[in-house]
Amino acid sequence: MSRRSPPLWFKLTRTNSTFTGFVSTNGANWLQVGTANVSMPVTVYAGLAVCARNASAPNASTFDHVTLPRWPAAVLEVEK
């Protein structure tokens, strides 16, 4: 996938120690962009971050449609 303008969708899946990244321009058709094997414990913490890549032009971003399948709702915390 060539460089695209927002909005973009990103998906990260984990199967055992294999993480696979995907990108989409519509949230329905996904293109695999990478795979990595990372040894991790069973319990992990997930977070979202952004970077403006320019300290003089702050970034304002919105995350929506965030899901963490198979995670009990009680362990999900949101910090602002």
Foldseek 3Di string as FASTA:
>chain_A
DPDDDDDKDKDWDDDQQKIWIWIDRPVPDIDTDDIDGHHDDPDDDDDDDDDPVDPVDDDDDDDPPDDDPPDDPVPDDDDD
